[in-house]
């Protein structure tokens, strides 16, 4: 309801400007949250790697363990890389949203000057 009244006296350009600013801020928050998750995943992965016991690869149970370990490490690395790729996509989207915000901000200023 507040949003309806706050937009009541705004032009379409001002509404779009505010929407793009809100989108930009949300994307910033999403990127910060993703950064936190990536750091946490990298720390967990590093901790996992440093806590591995030494087992002779010649013994039967350790062969299976190392195969499973290599598979798990590959999956973890792929996950971390996918998350980093998502961060790149978020950065691109964030920059585009900010550029659109600036476009509509300047357009709103020109419209206001024209209507004076």
N, C-alpha and C. Protein backbone atom coordinates (compact mmCIF):
# COMPACT_ATOMS: atom_id res chain seq x y z
N UNK A 1 0.82 -1.19 0.00
CA UNK A 1 0.00 0.00 0.00
C UNK A 1 0.87 1.26 0.00
N UNK A 2 1.94 1.24 0.79
CA UNK A 2 2.82 2.40 0.85
C UNK A 2 3.45 2.64 -0.52
N UNK A 3 3.83 1.56 -1.18
CA UNK A 3 4.44 1.67 -2.50
C UNK A 3 3.50 2.36 -3.48
N UNK A 4 2.22 2.04 -3.41
CA UNK A 4 1.23 2.65 -4.29
C UNK A 4 1.20 4.16 -4.10
N UNK A 5 1.16 4.60 -2.83
CA UNK A 5 1.09 6.03 -2.56
C UNK A 5 2.41 6.73 -2.83
N UNK A 6 3.52 6.04 -2.62
CA UNK A 6 4.82 6.68 -2.87
C UNK A 6 5.04 6.89 -4.37
N UNK A 7 4.41 6.06 -5.19
CA UNK A 7 4.53 6.21 -6.65
C UNK A 7 3.42 7.08 -7.24
N UNK A 8 2.52 7.53 -6.42
CA UNK A 8 1.34 8.25 -6.89
C UNK A 8 1.70 9.49 -7.70
N UNK A 9 2.68 10.26 -7.23
CA UNK A 9 3.03 11.51 -7.89
C UNK A 9 4.29 11.41 -8.75
N UNK A 10 4.76 10.22 -8.97
CA UNK A 10 5.96 10.03 -9.78
C UNK A 10 5.59 9.78 -11.23
N UNK A 11 6.49 10.17 -12.11
CA UNK A 11 6.31 9.87 -13.53
C UNK A 11 6.74 8.43 -13.77
N UNK A 12 6.39 7.91 -14.95
CA UNK A 12 6.81 6.55 -15.31
C UNK A 12 8.33 6.43 -15.29
N UNK A 13 9.00 7.47 -15.73
CA UNK A 13 10.47 7.46 -15.75
C UNK A 13 11.03 7.38 -14.34
N UNK A 14 10.45 8.13 -13.41
CA UNK A 14 10.92 8.10 -12.02
C UNK A 14 10.66 6.73 -11.39
N UNK A 15 9.54 6.14 -11.73
CA UNK A 15 9.23 4.80 -11.21
C UNK A 15 10.24 3.79 -11.73
N UNK A 16 10.55 3.86 -13.04
CA UNK A 16 11.55 2.95 -13.61
C UNK A 16 12.91 3.19 -12.98
N UNK A 17 13.26 4.44 -12.77
CA UNK A 17 14.54 4.78 -12.12
C UNK A 17 14.62 4.10 -10.76
N UNK A 18 13.57 4.26 -9.96
CA UNK A 18 13.55 3.68 -8.62
C UNK A 18 13.56 2.15 -8.67
N UNK A 19 12.86 1.58 -9.64
CA UNK A 19 12.86 0.12 -9.78
C UNK A 19 14.25 -0.41 -10.12
N UNK A 20 14.95 0.27 -11.01
CA UNK A 20 16.30 -0.17 -11.36
C UNK A 20 17.27 0.02 -10.20
N UNK A 21 17.08 1.06 -9.41
CA UNK A 21 17.92 1.25 -8.23
C UNK A 21 17.67 0.12 -7.23
N UNK A 22 16.41 -0.23 -7.04
CA UNK A 22 16.07 -1.34 -6.14
C UNK A 22 16.65 -2.65 -6.67
N UNK A 23 16.57 -2.89 -7.96
CA UNK A 23 17.15 -4.10 -8.56
C UNK A 23 18.65 -4.12 -8.35
N UNK A 24 19.30 -2.99 -8.57
CA UNK A 24 20.75 -2.88 -8.37
C UNK A 24 21.12 -3.24 -6.94
N UNK A 25 20.39 -2.71 -5.98
CA UNK A 25 20.67 -2.99 -4.57
C UNK A 25 20.45 -4.46 -4.24
N UNK A 26 19.39 -5.05 -4.79
CA UNK A 26 19.13 -6.48 -4.55
C UNK A 26 20.24 -7.34 -5.15
N UNK A 27 20.70 -6.97 -6.33
CA UNK A 27 21.79 -7.72 -6.95
C UNK A 27 23.07 -7.59 -6.14
N UNK A 28 23.32 -6.41 -5.58
CA UNK A 28 24.49 -6.24 -4.71
C UNK A 28 24.39 -7.16 -3.49
N UNK A 29 23.20 -7.22 -2.90
CA UNK A 29 23.00 -8.09 -1.73
C UNK A 29 23.18 -9.56 -2.11
N UNK A 30 22.65 -9.93 -3.27
CA UNK A 30 22.79 -11.31 -3.73
C UNK A 30 24.25 -11.66 -3.97
N UNK A 31 24.99 -10.72 -4.54
CA UNK A 31 26.41 -10.95 -4.80
C UNK A 31 27.18 -11.08 -3.48
N UNK A 32 26.84 -10.27 -2.50
CA UNK A 32 27.50 -10.37 -1.19
C UNK A 32 27.21 -11.72 -0.54
N UNK A 33 25.97 -12.16 -0.63
CA UNK A 33 25.59 -13.46 -0.08
C UNK A 33 26.32 -14.58 -0.82
N UNK A 34 26.42 -14.49 -2.13
CA UNK A 34 27.13 -15.49 -2.92
C UNK A 34 28.61 -15.50 -2.56
N UNK A 35 29.20 -14.32 -2.38
CA UNK A 35 30.61 -14.25 -1.96
C UNK A 35 30.81 -14.97 -0.63
N UNK A 36 29.88 -14.77 0.29
CA UNK A 36 29.96 -15.43 1.59
C UNK A 36 29.90 -16.95 1.43
N UNK A 37 28.98 -17.42 0.58
CA UNK A 37 28.84 -18.86 0.35
C UNK A 37 30.07 -19.44 -0.33
N UNK A 38 30.64 -18.71 -1.30
CA UNK A 38 31.84 -19.19 -1.99
C UNK A 38 33.00 -19.30 -1.00
N UNK A 39 33.18 -18.28 -0.19
CA UNK A 39 34.26 -18.30 0.81
C UNK A 39 34.08 -19.46 1.77
N UNK A 40 32.85 -19.67 2.21
CA UNK A 40 32.56 -20.78 3.12
C UNK A 40 32.86 -22.12 2.45
N UNK A 41 32.46 -22.28 1.20
CA UNK A 41 32.70 -23.53 0.48
C UNK A 41 34.20 -23.76 0.27
N UNK A 42 34.92 -22.70 -0.08
CA UNK A 42 36.37 -22.84 -0.27
C UNK A 42 37.06 -23.19 1.05
N UNK A 43 36.63 -22.57 2.14
CA UNK A 43 37.22 -22.89 3.45
C UNK A 43 36.92 -24.33 3.85
N UNK A 44 35.68 -24.76 3.64
CA UNK A 44 35.31 -26.14 3.95
C UNK A 44 36.11 -27.13 3.10
N UNK A 45 36.26 -26.82 1.83
CA UNK A 45 37.00 -27.70 0.92
C UNK A 45 38.47 -27.76 1.34
N UNK A 46 39.05 -26.62 1.67
CA UNK A 46 40.44 -26.57 2.12
C UNK A 46 40.62 -27.36 3.41
N UNK A 47 39.68 -27.21 4.32
CA UNK A 47 39.73 -27.95 5.57
C UNK A 47 39.62 -29.45 5.32
N UNK A 48 38.75 -29.83 4.41
CA UNK A 48 38.59 -31.24 4.04
C UNK A 48 39.90 -31.79 3.49
N UNK A 49 40.54 -31.05 2.59
CA UNK A 49 41.78 -31.53 1.98
C UNK A 49 42.90 -31.66 3.01
N UNK A 50 42.97 -30.73 3.94
CA UNK A 50 44.05 -30.78 4.93
C UNK A 50 43.82 -31.82 6.02
N UNK A 51 42.63 -32.33 6.14
CA UNK A 51 42.34 -33.30 7.20
C UNK A 51 42.34 -34.75 6.70
N UNK A 52 42.73 -34.98 5.46
CA UNK A 52 42.75 -36.33 4.91
C UNK A 52 43.88 -37.15 5.53
N UNK A 53 43.56 -38.35 6.02
CA UNK A 53 44.62 -39.20 6.57
C UNK A 53 45.44 -39.83 5.44
N UNK A 54 46.64 -40.23 5.76
CA UNK A 54 47.46 -40.92 4.77
C UNK A 54 47.13 -42.40 4.84
N UNK A 55 46.74 -42.94 3.72
CA UNK A 55 46.48 -44.38 3.60
C UNK A 55 47.30 -44.91 2.43
N UNK A 56 47.83 -46.07 2.62
CA UNK A 56 48.60 -46.68 1.53
C UNK A 56 47.66 -47.00 0.39
N UNK A 57 48.03 -46.56 -0.79
CA UNK A 57 47.17 -46.78 -1.96
C UNK A 57 47.21 -48.23 -2.43
N UNK A 58 48.14 -49.01 -1.89
CA UNK A 58 48.28 -50.41 -2.28
C UNK A 58 47.25 -51.31 -1.61
N UNK A 59 46.72 -50.89 -0.51
CA UNK A 59 45.77 -51.73 0.24
C UNK A 59 44.37 -51.55 -0.32
N UNK A 60 43.61 -52.61 -0.29
CA UNK A 60 42.30 -52.65 -0.93
C UNK A 60 41.32 -51.57 -0.45
N UNK A 61 41.04 -51.41 0.85
CA UNK A 61 40.05 -50.40 1.23
C UNK A 61 40.47 -48.98 0.82
N UNK A 62 41.79 -48.73 0.84
CA UNK A 62 42.22 -47.38 0.51
C UNK A 62 42.07 -47.08 -0.98
N UNK A 63 42.14 -48.09 -1.84
CA UNK A 63 41.93 -47.87 -3.28
C UNK A 63 40.53 -47.33 -3.52
N UNK A 64 39.56 -47.97 -2.90
CA UNK A 64 38.17 -47.52 -3.05
C UNK A 64 37.98 -46.13 -2.44
N UNK A 65 38.64 -45.92 -1.31
CA UNK A 65 38.55 -44.62 -0.66
C UNK A 65 39.09 -43.53 -1.57
N UNK A 66 40.25 -43.76 -2.17
CA UNK A 66 40.85 -42.73 -3.02
C UNK A 66 40.02 -42.48 -4.28
N UNK A 67 39.39 -43.51 -4.80
CA UNK A 67 38.51 -43.30 -5.96
C UNK A 67 37.33 -42.42 -5.57
N UNK A 68 36.73 -42.72 -4.43
CA UNK A 68 35.60 -41.91 -3.95
C UNK A 68 36.06 -40.50 -3.61
N UNK A 69 37.26 -40.38 -3.02
CA UNK A 69 37.82 -39.08 -2.65
C UNK A 69 38.04 -38.22 -3.90
N UNK A 70 38.60 -38.81 -4.94
CA UNK A 70 38.84 -38.06 -6.18
C UNK A 70 37.52 -37.60 -6.81
N UNK A 71 36.52 -38.46 -6.76
CA UNK A 71 35.21 -38.10 -7.30
C UNK A 71 34.60 -36.94 -6.51
N UNK A 72 34.70 -37.02 -5.19
CA UNK A 72 34.16 -35.97 -4.33
C UNK A 72 34.90 -34.65 -4.55
N UNK A 73 36.22 -34.72 -4.67
CA UNK A 73 37.01 -33.51 -4.89
C UNK A 73 36.65 -32.86 -6.23
N UNK A 74 36.43 -33.68 -7.25
CA UNK A 74 36.05 -33.14 -8.56
C UNK A 74 34.69 -32.44 -8.47
N UNK A 75 33.74 -33.07 -7.78
CA UNK A 75 32.42 -32.47 -7.63
C UNK A 75 32.49 -31.15 -6.85
N UNK A 76 33.29 -31.13 -5.79
CA UNK A 76 33.43 -29.92 -4.99
C UNK A 76 34.07 -28.80 -5.81
N UNK A 77 35.09 -29.13 -6.57
CA UNK A 77 35.74 -28.12 -7.42
C UNK A 77 34.78 -27.58 -8.47
N UNK A 78 34.00 -28.46 -9.06
CA UNK A 78 33.02 -28.03 -10.07
C UNK A 78 31.97 -27.12 -9.44
N UNK A 79 31.51 -27.47 -8.24
CA UNK A 79 30.52 -26.65 -7.55
C UNK A 79 31.07 -25.25 -7.29
N UNK A 80 32.28 -25.18 -6.77
CA UNK A 80 32.88 -23.87 -6.47
C UNK A 80 33.05 -23.06 -7.75
N UNK A 81 33.46 -23.71 -8.83
CA UNK A 81 33.64 -22.99 -10.10
C UNK A 81 32.30 -22.49 -10.64
N UNK A 82 31.24 -23.30 -10.52
CA UNK A 82 29.90 -22.86 -10.96
C UNK A 82 29.44 -21.64 -10.16
N UNK A 83 29.71 -21.66 -8.86
CA UNK A 83 29.32 -20.52 -8.03
C UNK A 83 30.09 -19.27 -8.42
N UNK A 84 31.36 -19.42 -8.75
CA UNK A 84 32.16 -18.27 -9.20
C UNK A 84 31.64 -17.74 -10.54
N UNK A 85 31.20 -18.65 -11.41
CA UNK A 85 30.60 -18.21 -12.68
C UNK A 85 29.30 -17.45 -12.43
N UNK A 86 28.52 -17.91 -11.46
CA UNK A 86 27.29 -17.19 -11.10
C UNK A 86 27.63 -15.78 -10.62
N UNK A 87 28.74 -15.65 -9.90
CA UNK A 87 29.15 -14.34 -9.41
C UNK A 87 29.45 -13.41 -10.59
N UNK A 88 30.10 -13.94 -11.61
CA UNK A 88 30.37 -13.13 -12.81
C UNK A 88 29.07 -12.68 -13.45
N UNK A 89 28.10 -13.59 -13.54
CA UNK A 89 26.80 -13.24 -14.11
C UNK A 89 26.10 -12.17 -13.27
N UNK A 90 26.19 -12.30 -11.95
CA UNK A 90 25.58 -11.30 -11.07
C UNK A 90 26.25 -9.93 -11.24
N UNK A 91 27.56 -9.93 -11.42
CA UNK A 91 28.27 -8.67 -11.62
C UNK A 91 27.82 -7.99 -12.91
N UNK A 92 27.66 -8.78 -13.97
CA UNK A 92 27.18 -8.24 -15.24
C UNK A 92 25.78 -7.66 -15.07
N UNK A 93 24.90 -8.42 -14.42
CA UNK A 93 23.52 -7.96 -14.21
C UNK A 93 23.50 -6.71 -13.33
N UNK A 94 24.36 -6.68 -12.32
CA UNK A 94 24.44 -5.52 -11.43
C UNK A 94 24.87 -4.28 -12.22
N UNK A 95 25.87 -4.41 -13.07
CA UNK A 95 26.33 -3.28 -13.88
C UNK A 95 25.26 -2.81 -14.85
N UNK A 96 24.54 -3.75 -15.45
CA UNK A 96 23.46 -3.37 -16.37
C UNK A 96 22.34 -2.64 -15.64
N UNK A 97 21.97 -3.14 -14.47
CA UNK A 97 20.91 -2.49 -13.70
C UNK A 97 21.33 -1.08 -13.30
N UNK A 98 22.59 -0.92 -12.91
CA UNK A 98 23.07 0.41 -12.53
C UNK A 98 23.09 1.36 -13.73
N UNK A 99 23.50 0.86 -14.88
CA UNK A 99 23.50 1.69 -16.09
C UNK A 99 22.08 2.11 -16.47
N UNK A 100 21.12 1.19 -16.33
CA UNK A 100 19.72 1.54 -16.62
C UNK A 100 19.21 2.56 -15.60
N UNK A 101 19.61 2.39 -14.34
CA UNK A 101 19.24 3.36 -13.31
C UNK A 101 19.76 4.74 -13.69
N UNK A 102 21.03 4.83 -14.09
CA UNK A 102 21.61 6.12 -14.48
C UNK A 102 20.88 6.71 -15.68
N UNK A 103 20.52 5.84 -16.63
CA UNK A 103 19.79 6.30 -17.82
C UNK A 103 18.47 6.94 -17.40
N UNK A 104 17.70 6.24 -16.58
CA UNK A 104 16.39 6.77 -16.18
C UNK A 104 16.53 7.95 -15.21
N UNK A 105 17.59 7.99 -14.43
CA UNK A 105 17.84 9.13 -13.56
C UNK A 105 18.07 10.38 -14.40
N UNK A 106 18.93 10.27 -15.39
CA UNK A 106 19.21 11.42 -16.27
C UNK A 106 17.97 11.81 -17.08
N UNK A 107 17.22 10.82 -17.52
CA UNK A 107 15.99 11.09 -18.27
C UNK A 107 14.98 11.82 -17.39
N UNK A 108 14.86 11.40 -16.14
CA UNK A 108 13.94 12.06 -15.21
C UNK A 108 14.37 13.50 -14.95
N UNK A 109 15.66 13.74 -14.86
CA UNK A 109 16.17 15.10 -14.66
C UNK A 109 15.83 15.97 -15.86
N UNK A 110 16.06 15.43 -17.06
CA UNK A 110 15.74 16.20 -18.28
C UNK A 110 14.25 16.49 -18.37
N UNK A 111 13.42 15.50 -18.02
CA UNK A 111 11.97 15.71 -18.06
C UNK A 111 11.55 16.78 -17.06
N UNK A 112 12.14 16.76 -15.88
CA UNK A 112 11.81 17.76 -14.85
C UNK A 112 12.21 19.15 -15.29
N UNK A 113 13.38 19.26 -15.92
CA UNK A 113 13.83 20.57 -16.41
C UNK A 113 12.95 21.07 -17.54
N UNK A 114 12.50 20.14 -18.38
CA UNK A 114 11.64 20.51 -19.51
C UNK A 114 10.27 20.97 -19.01
N UNK A 115 9.79 20.41 -17.93
CA UNK A 115 8.46 20.74 -17.40
C UNK A 115 8.46 21.94 -16.46
N UNK A 116 9.60 22.56 -16.25
CA UNK A 116 9.66 23.74 -15.36
C UNK A 116 9.04 24.95 -16.00
